[in-house]
């Protein structure tokens, strides 16, 4: 009886192993076939074969046995699309040819790919913004930590009195510098470079990223609680494409004074220091040394975040050396010598006050007479 039970258990174990192996098979591991890309250029017709100037192209890719698709564009951007449907805006000014490579992935990681070339017209340009960002070559930007509201958040709705600034919250000067949980934000160096006709970007954050509390899991933490600095390497060169903004701010009656209307689209999940799950930022204002941007929260479209940057690296509590006294023979100083009742009075008159020498002498004499 014991032998029978042993044989029964052995057979049952073999059956379970075989069953598990059958359940974990991938099925057909053939690479996707019949891969086809369809590209519809917005506004394209007989008179405008390259589109209406918006630069928008809608892609639709299909294949047999494919479970996901990846688009790789010659402008340096990529996009995953499980459905194969993706809309892209090309932003290089004029009529340009772009190479589009699509990789179709099947079960078990097998893949097929195909490539097409398309010609698209884009009329959008903002060369002034590129010049401000790069100085014509390369330029570093830093969080403007001395300003109120250098980091802020507000509503992303059609309330024109609230949707263009940090209505809900504005960080105080150096607010994030008081704790090691948040001071990594001020270590960010954002570098924009003009490389021919391509705008490039790099973020040097010293290996730590300041995460919004709802994205801490991206950096290996647990979501919830306070925002937190976590080890997260954001290095790597990104491509930045500019495009016209269609945000709610652009629809405000005073939009002309509230936004520049230019979007910066960062490739490969690039972001501007504070991680909110967003790679598209709207330039609200920019000069040669100051910039404010707006970005819609990646997992909460009801919120918009605001960042302000400067090209002059702020210093918290700068040390002033009062022991280094400087003397110069070029100081613009005049000495008035007045003698009244045997008393000699010496008065130093500095700078522009020398213009009023006669009046000063008269006033001093009157004051002296009153005093005695």
Protein backbone atom coordinates (compact mmCIF):
# COMPACT_ATOMS: atom_id res chain seq x y z
CA UNK A 1 0.00 0.00 0.00
CA UNK A 2 2.87 2.33 0.88
CA UNK A 3 4.54 1.60 -2.48
CA UNK A 4 1.30 2.44 -4.32
CA UNK A 5 1.04 5.78 -2.49
CA UNK A 6 4.67 6.61 -3.37
CA UNK A 7 4.05 5.85 -7.05
CA UNK A 8 0.87 7.92 -6.96
CA UNK A 9 2.69 10.94 -5.48
CA UNK A 10 5.50 10.63 -8.03
CA UNK A 11 3.05 10.56 -10.94
CA UNK A 12 1.08 13.50 -9.50
CA UNK A 13 4.27 15.55 -9.11
CA UNK A 14 5.30 14.87 -12.70
CA UNK A 15 1.82 15.88 -13.87
CA UNK A 16 2.03 19.20 -11.98
CA UNK A 17 5.49 20.00 -13.43
CA UNK A 18 4.32 19.25 -16.96
CA UNK A 19 1.16 21.31 -16.45
CA UNK A 20 3.15 24.31 -15.18
CA UNK A 21 5.50 24.10 -18.12
CA UNK A 22 2.59 24.07 -20.53
CA UNK A 23 0.99 27.12 -18.81
CA UNK A 24 4.20 29.18 -19.10
CA UNK A 25 4.71 28.78 -22.83
CA UNK A 26 4.72 31.97 -24.92
CA UNK A 27 2.70 30.52 -27.73
CA UNK A 28 3.65 31.49 -31.26
CA UNK A 29 7.09 33.15 -31.16
CA UNK A 30 7.03 34.17 -34.80
CA UNK A 31 8.09 37.73 -35.52
CA UNK A 32 5.28 40.13 -36.51
CA UNK A 33 4.53 40.14 -40.21
CA UNK A 34 2.71 42.40 -42.69
CA UNK A 35 4.03 45.51 -40.91
CA UNK A 36 2.50 48.63 -42.44
CA UNK A 37 2.77 52.32 -41.51
CA UNK A 38 0.09 54.82 -42.49
CA UNK A 39 0.99 58.52 -42.14
CA UNK A 40 -1.66 61.24 -42.52
CA UNK A 41 -0.21 64.74 -42.75
CA UNK A 42 -2.67 67.28 -41.38
CA UNK A 43 -4.02 69.62 -44.04
CA UNK A 44 -2.29 67.83 -46.92
CA UNK A 45 -4.01 68.23 -50.28
CA UNK A 46 -3.13 68.86 -53.91
CA UNK A 47 -2.26 72.49 -53.21
CA UNK A 48 -0.44 71.73 -49.94
CA UNK A 49 1.22 68.31 -50.33
CA UNK A 50 3.32 68.80 -47.19
CA UNK A 51 0.46 69.84 -44.93
CA UNK A 52 -1.03 73.04 -43.57
CA UNK A 53 2.13 74.17 -41.76
CA UNK A 54 1.10 72.80 -38.36
CA UNK A 55 3.63 69.98 -38.70
CA UNK A 56 1.13 67.47 -37.29
CA UNK A 57 1.17 63.90 -38.61
CA UNK A 58 -1.06 61.07 -37.42
CA UNK A 59 0.56 57.64 -37.59
CA UNK A 60 -1.27 54.32 -37.59
CA UNK A 61 0.77 51.12 -37.72
CA UNK A 62 -0.53 47.55 -37.97
CA UNK A 63 1.06 44.10 -38.10
CA UNK A 64 0.10 40.49 -37.62
CA UNK A 65 1.13 38.98 -34.26
CA UNK A 66 2.26 42.35 -32.85
CA UNK A 67 1.49 43.38 -29.25
CA UNK A 68 3.18 46.80 -29.18
CA UNK A 69 4.96 49.32 -31.38
CA UNK A 70 7.79 51.81 -30.96
CA UNK A 71 8.30 54.85 -33.18
CA UNK A 72 11.81 56.21 -33.69
CA UNK A 73 12.05 59.56 -35.48
CA UNK A 74 15.07 61.12 -37.14
CA UNK A 75 14.58 64.33 -35.10
CA UNK A 76 15.86 62.42 -32.06
CA UNK A 77 12.54 61.56 -30.40
CA UNK A 78 10.93 58.19 -29.69
CA UNK A 79 7.48 57.06 -28.63
CA UNK A 80 6.01 53.75 -27.47
CA UNK A 81 2.48 53.02 -28.67
CA UNK A 82 0.76 49.75 -27.71
CA UNK A 83 -2.06 50.51 -30.14
CA UNK A 84 0.21 51.63 -32.97
CA UNK A 85 -1.62 54.99 -33.16
CA UNK A 86 0.36 58.15 -32.42
CA UNK A 87 0.10 61.82 -33.34
CA UNK A 88 3.29 63.85 -33.63
CA UNK A 89 4.10 67.46 -34.36
CA UNK A 90 7.28 68.09 -36.37
CA UNK A 91 8.69 71.52 -35.58
CA UNK A 92 11.71 72.20 -37.79
CA UNK A 93 10.78 75.25 -39.82
CA UNK A 94 10.10 74.80 -43.52
CA UNK A 95 9.63 71.61 -45.55
CA UNK A 96 11.79 68.83 -44.15
CA UNK A 97 12.18 65.10 -44.72
CA UNK A 98 11.96 62.87 -41.66
CA UNK A 99 12.79 59.19 -41.39
CA UNK A 100 10.34 57.17 -39.30
CA UNK A 101 11.38 53.74 -38.08
CA UNK A 102 8.74 51.53 -36.43
CA UNK A 103 9.56 48.43 -34.40
CA UNK A 104 6.71 45.97 -33.93
CA UNK A 105 7.20 43.62 -30.97
CA UNK A 106 5.58 40.21 -30.65
CA UNK A 107 5.43 37.58 -27.93
CA UNK A 108 8.68 36.65 -26.25
CA UNK A 109 10.38 39.86 -27.42
CA UNK A 110 10.68 38.95 -31.09
CA UNK A 111 10.30 41.96 -33.36
CA UNK A 112 10.16 43.28 -36.91
CA UNK A 113 10.77 46.76 -38.19
CA UNK A 114 10.16 48.93 -41.20
CA UNK A 115 11.03 52.49 -42.22
CA UNK A 116 9.39 55.26 -44.21
CA UNK A 117 10.36 58.83 -45.14
CA UNK A 118 7.85 61.68 -45.02
CA UNK A 119 8.05 65.33 -46.00
CA UNK A 120 6.29 67.75 -43.65
CA UNK A 121 5.96 71.52 -43.54
CA UNK A 122 6.13 73.44 -40.26
CA UNK A 123 5.62 77.18 -40.04
CA UNK A 124 6.28 77.49 -36.30
CA UNK A 125 9.50 79.09 -35.10
CA UNK A 126 10.76 80.81 -31.97
CA UNK A 127 14.42 81.59 -32.65
CA UNK A 128 14.41 84.29 -29.98
CA UNK A 129 13.56 81.70 -27.33
CA UNK A 130 16.37 79.46 -28.58
CA UNK A 131 18.79 82.38 -28.35
CA UNK A 132 17.66 83.19 -24.83
CA UNK A 133 17.95 79.54 -23.78
CA UNK A 134 21.41 78.96 -25.24
CA UNK A 135 23.02 82.34 -25.71
CA UNK A 136 23.67 81.16 -29.26
CA UNK A 137 25.92 78.32 -28.05
CA UNK A 138 25.34 76.90 -24.56
CA UNK A 139 24.00 78.28 -21.30
CA UNK A 140 23.40 77.04 -17.75
CA UNK A 141 20.21 77.72 -15.80
CA UNK A 142 19.54 77.39 -12.05
CA UNK A 143 16.49 77.48 -9.81
CA UNK A 144 15.84 81.11 -8.88
CA UNK A 145 15.77 80.17 -5.20
CA UNK A 146 15.83 83.77 -3.96
CA UNK A 147 12.43 84.50 -5.53
CA UNK A 148 9.02 83.91 -3.97
CA UNK A 149 7.21 81.34 -6.10
CA UNK A 150 10.28 79.86 -7.82
CA UNK A 151 8.29 76.65 -7.34
CA UNK A 152 4.51 76.81 -7.28
CA UNK A 153 1.29 75.08 -8.19
CA UNK A 154 -2.16 76.21 -9.25
CA UNK A 155 -5.30 75.05 -11.03
CA UNK A 156 -5.29 73.94 -14.64
CA UNK A 157 -8.78 75.12 -15.56
CA UNK A 158 -10.46 77.95 -17.43
CA UNK A 159 -10.43 80.38 -14.49
CA UNK A 160 -8.47 83.17 -16.15
CA UNK A 161 -7.64 84.83 -12.81
CA UNK A 162 -5.92 81.72 -11.38
CA UNK A 163 -4.63 79.45 -14.14
CA UNK A 164 -1.39 81.24 -15.04
CA UNK A 165 0.54 81.32 -11.72
CA UNK A 166 0.97 79.40 -8.45
CA UNK A 167 -2.44 80.25 -7.03
CA UNK A 168 -2.46 77.33 -4.56
CA UNK A 169 1.14 77.47 -3.41
CA UNK A 170 4.30 79.52 -3.90
CA UNK A 171 7.58 78.46 -2.34
CA UNK A 172 9.30 81.00 -0.10
CA UNK A 173 12.90 82.00 -0.91
CA UNK A 174 15.25 79.07 -0.23
CA UNK A 175 12.34 77.09 1.21
CA UNK A 176 13.67 73.74 -0.03
CA UNK A 177 17.20 74.39 1.22
CA UNK A 178 16.42 73.84 4.90
CA UNK A 179 16.34 70.04 4.75
CA UNK A 180 18.35 67.29 3.08
CA UNK A 181 14.98 65.84 2.05
CA UNK A 182 14.51 68.70 -0.40
CA UNK A 183 17.73 70.69 -0.87
CA UNK A 184 18.81 68.61 -3.88
CA UNK A 185 16.47 70.79 -5.94
CA UNK A 186 18.86 73.72 -5.68
CA UNK A 187 21.79 71.61 -6.90
CA UNK A 188 20.22 71.34 -10.36
CA UNK A 189 22.11 72.70 -13.34
CA UNK A 190 20.03 72.80 -16.52
CA UNK A 191 22.13 73.21 -19.67
CA UNK A 192 20.67 74.18 -23.04
CA UNK A 193 22.86 73.91 -26.14
CA UNK A 194 22.31 74.92 -29.75
CA UNK A 195 23.87 72.32 -32.03
CA UNK A 196 23.22 73.48 -35.58
CA UNK A 197 19.44 73.49 -35.93
CA UNK A 198 18.97 71.14 -32.96
CA UNK A 199 18.24 72.31 -29.41
CA UNK A 200 19.75 69.98 -26.81
CA UNK A 201 19.36 69.72 -23.05
CA UNK A 202 21.11 68.11 -20.10
CA UNK A 203 20.15 68.02 -16.42
CA UNK A 204 22.92 67.67 -13.87
CA UNK A 205 21.27 67.00 -10.52
CA UNK A 206 24.21 65.48 -8.67
CA UNK A 207 22.57 62.06 -8.77
CA UNK A 208 19.54 63.07 -6.66
CA UNK A 209 16.11 64.09 -7.92
CA UNK A 210 13.39 65.98 -6.04
CA UNK A 211 10.24 63.88 -6.53
CA UNK A 212 6.64 64.93 -6.15
CA UNK A 213 5.12 62.68 -3.47
CA UNK A 214 2.95 60.88 -6.02
CA UNK A 215 6.00 59.85 -8.08
CA UNK A 216 8.43 58.72 -5.38
CA UNK A 217 8.07 55.11 -6.56
CA UNK A 218 9.93 56.10 -9.75
CA UNK A 219 12.97 56.77 -7.58
CA UNK A 220 12.56 53.65 -5.48
CA UNK A 221 10.53 55.23 -2.67
CA UNK A 222 6.93 54.86 -1.53
CA UNK A 223 4.31 57.27 -2.84
CA UNK A 224 2.55 59.59 -0.41
CA UNK A 225 3.77 61.83 2.38
CA UNK A 226 6.10 64.71 1.58
CA UNK A 227 8.05 65.38 -1.58
CA UNK A 228 11.50 63.84 -1.30
CA UNK A 229 15.00 63.83 -2.75
CA UNK A 230 15.89 60.31 -3.93
CA UNK A 231 18.85 58.80 -5.73
CA UNK A 232 17.93 59.05 -9.40
CA UNK A 233 20.33 59.72 -12.22
CA UNK A 234 18.76 62.08 -14.76
CA UNK A 235 21.88 62.53 -16.88
CA UNK A 236 21.93 62.03 -20.62
CA UNK A 237 21.47 64.41 -23.50
CA UNK A 238 17.90 65.11 -24.57
CA UNK A 239 16.51 66.75 -27.67
CA UNK A 240 14.12 69.68 -27.20
CA UNK A 241 11.49 70.42 -29.83
CA UNK A 242 9.58 73.68 -29.76
CA UNK A 243 5.91 73.85 -30.70
CA UNK A 244 3.00 76.26 -30.26
CA UNK A 245 1.09 75.96 -27.01
CA UNK A 246 -2.63 75.24 -26.90
CA UNK A 247 -2.92 75.39 -23.10
CA UNK A 248 -5.82 76.95 -21.22
CA UNK A 249 -3.64 79.98 -20.53
CA UNK A 250 -3.44 80.73 -24.27
CA UNK A 251 -7.24 81.09 -24.25
CA UNK A 252 -7.27 83.77 -21.54
CA UNK A 253 -8.26 87.31 -22.57
CA UNK A 254 -4.88 88.52 -21.29
CA UNK A 255 -2.91 85.60 -22.71
CA UNK A 256 -0.50 87.95 -24.49
CA UNK A 257 0.86 89.10 -21.12
CA UNK A 258 0.60 85.72 -19.36
CA UNK A 259 2.39 83.30 -21.70
CA UNK A 260 4.85 83.27 -24.56
CA UNK A 261 2.86 80.45 -26.12
CA UNK A 262 5.86 78.21 -26.83
CA UNK A 263 6.15 74.61 -25.64
CA UNK A 264 9.41 72.80 -24.94
CA UNK A 265 9.05 69.06 -25.61
CA UNK A 266 11.89 67.03 -24.05
CA UNK A 267 12.79 63.65 -25.52
CA UNK A 268 13.28 60.43 -23.52
CA UNK A 269 11.26 61.54 -20.48
CA UNK A 270 13.43 64.60 -19.86
CA UNK A 271 12.28 66.97 -17.11
CA UNK A 272 13.31 70.29 -15.56
CA UNK A 273 14.50 69.27 -12.11
CA UNK A 274 11.30 68.61 -10.15
CA UNK A 275 9.79 65.24 -11.10
CA UNK A 276 6.07 65.55 -11.84
CA UNK A 277 5.81 62.96 -14.62
CA UNK A 278 5.87 65.55 -17.38
CA UNK A 279 8.22 66.23 -20.31
CA UNK A 280 6.38 69.16 -21.91
CA UNK A 281 6.80 72.66 -20.47
CA UNK A 282 5.18 75.89 -21.60
CA UNK A 283 7.39 78.97 -21.61
CA UNK A 284 5.40 81.70 -19.90
CA UNK A 285 8.20 84.26 -20.03
CA UNK A 286 11.89 84.29 -20.90
CA UNK A 287 14.71 86.81 -21.12
CA UNK A 288 18.45 86.40 -21.42
CA UNK A 289 18.72 85.66 -17.67
CA UNK A 290 15.29 84.65 -16.33
CA UNK A 291 12.68 82.08 -17.35
CA UNK A 292 9.32 80.90 -15.98
CA UNK A 293 7.69 77.72 -17.26
CA UNK A 294 4.40 75.93 -16.67
CA UNK A 295 3.81 72.17 -16.75
CA UNK A 296 0.64 70.15 -16.25
CA UNK A 297 0.97 67.42 -13.60
CA UNK A 298 1.54 64.07 -15.29
CA UNK A 299 -0.94 62.11 -13.16
CA UNK A 300 -3.31 64.95 -12.30
CA UNK A 301 -4.31 67.22 -15.22
CA UNK A 302 -6.22 69.48 -12.81
CA UNK A 303 -2.90 70.89 -11.53
CA UNK A 304 -0.23 73.01 -13.20
CA UNK A 305 3.24 73.54 -11.74
CA UNK A 306 5.40 76.64 -12.15
CA UNK A 307 9.22 76.81 -12.17
CA UNK A 308 11.37 79.95 -12.31
CA UNK A 309 15.02 79.79 -13.34
CA UNK A 310 17.93 82.21 -13.57
CA UNK A 311 21.32 82.17 -15.30
CA UNK A 312 23.02 83.60 -12.19
CA UNK A 313 23.53 80.83 -9.65
CA UNK A 314 21.96 81.97 -6.35
CA UNK A 315 23.97 81.71 -3.12
CA UNK A 316 22.24 81.17 0.20
CA UNK A 317 23.57 83.34 3.06
CA UNK A 318 26.60 84.65 1.17
CA UNK A 319 29.65 85.34 3.36
CA UNK A 320 30.80 88.97 3.29
CA UNK A 321 34.46 89.65 4.13
CA UNK A 322 34.55 92.90 6.09
CA UNK A 323 38.28 92.50 6.83
CA UNK A 324 39.22 93.30 3.26
CA UNK A 325 39.19 97.10 3.42
CA UNK A 326 39.80 98.88 0.14
CA UNK A 327 41.27 102.38 -0.08
CA UNK A 328 41.57 104.44 -3.22
CA UNK A 329 42.94 107.79 -4.24
CA UNK A 330 40.02 108.09 -6.64
CA UNK A 331 37.27 108.55 -4.03
CA UNK A 332 35.16 111.54 -5.04
CA UNK A 333 35.37 113.46 -1.75
CA UNK A 334 35.66 117.22 -0.97
CA UNK A 335 36.62 118.72 2.40
CA UNK A 336 34.90 121.89 3.63
CA UNK A 337 36.85 123.86 6.22
CA UNK A 338 34.81 126.32 8.29
CA UNK A 339 36.15 128.40 11.22
CA UNK A 340 33.63 130.02 13.56
CA UNK A 341 34.42 131.59 16.93
CA UNK A 342 37.82 129.97 16.96
CA UNK A 343 36.40 126.53 16.30
CA UNK A 344 37.61 124.64 13.23
CA UNK A 345 34.97 122.43 11.53
CA UNK A 346 35.89 119.90 8.86
CA UNK A 347 33.06 118.49 6.72
CA UNK A 348 33.43 115.68 4.16
CA UNK A 349 31.22 116.17 1.12
CA UNK A 350 30.85 113.07 -1.06
CA UNK A 351 29.93 112.67 -4.72
CA UNK A 352 27.01 114.63 -6.12
CA UNK A 353 26.56 116.60 -2.87
CA UNK A 354 29.52 118.74 -3.97
CA UNK A 355 27.16 120.60 -6.28
CA UNK A 356 25.51 122.13 -3.21
CA UNK A 357 28.71 123.45 -1.55
CA UNK A 358 27.44 127.06 -1.02
CA UNK A 359 24.12 125.92 0.43
CA UNK A 360 25.82 123.36 2.69
CA UNK A 361 28.21 126.00 4.08
CA UNK A 362 25.33 128.35 4.84
CA UNK A 363 23.31 125.64 6.57
CA UNK A 364 26.29 124.52 8.66
CA UNK A 365 26.95 128.08 9.80
CA UNK A 366 23.32 128.51 10.83
CA UNK A 367 23.34 125.24 12.74
CA UNK A 368 26.53 126.17 14.52
CA UNK A 369 25.16 129.58 15.56
CA UNK A 370 21.99 127.99 16.91
CA UNK A 371 24.02 125.46 18.83
CA UNK A 372 26.08 128.09 20.65
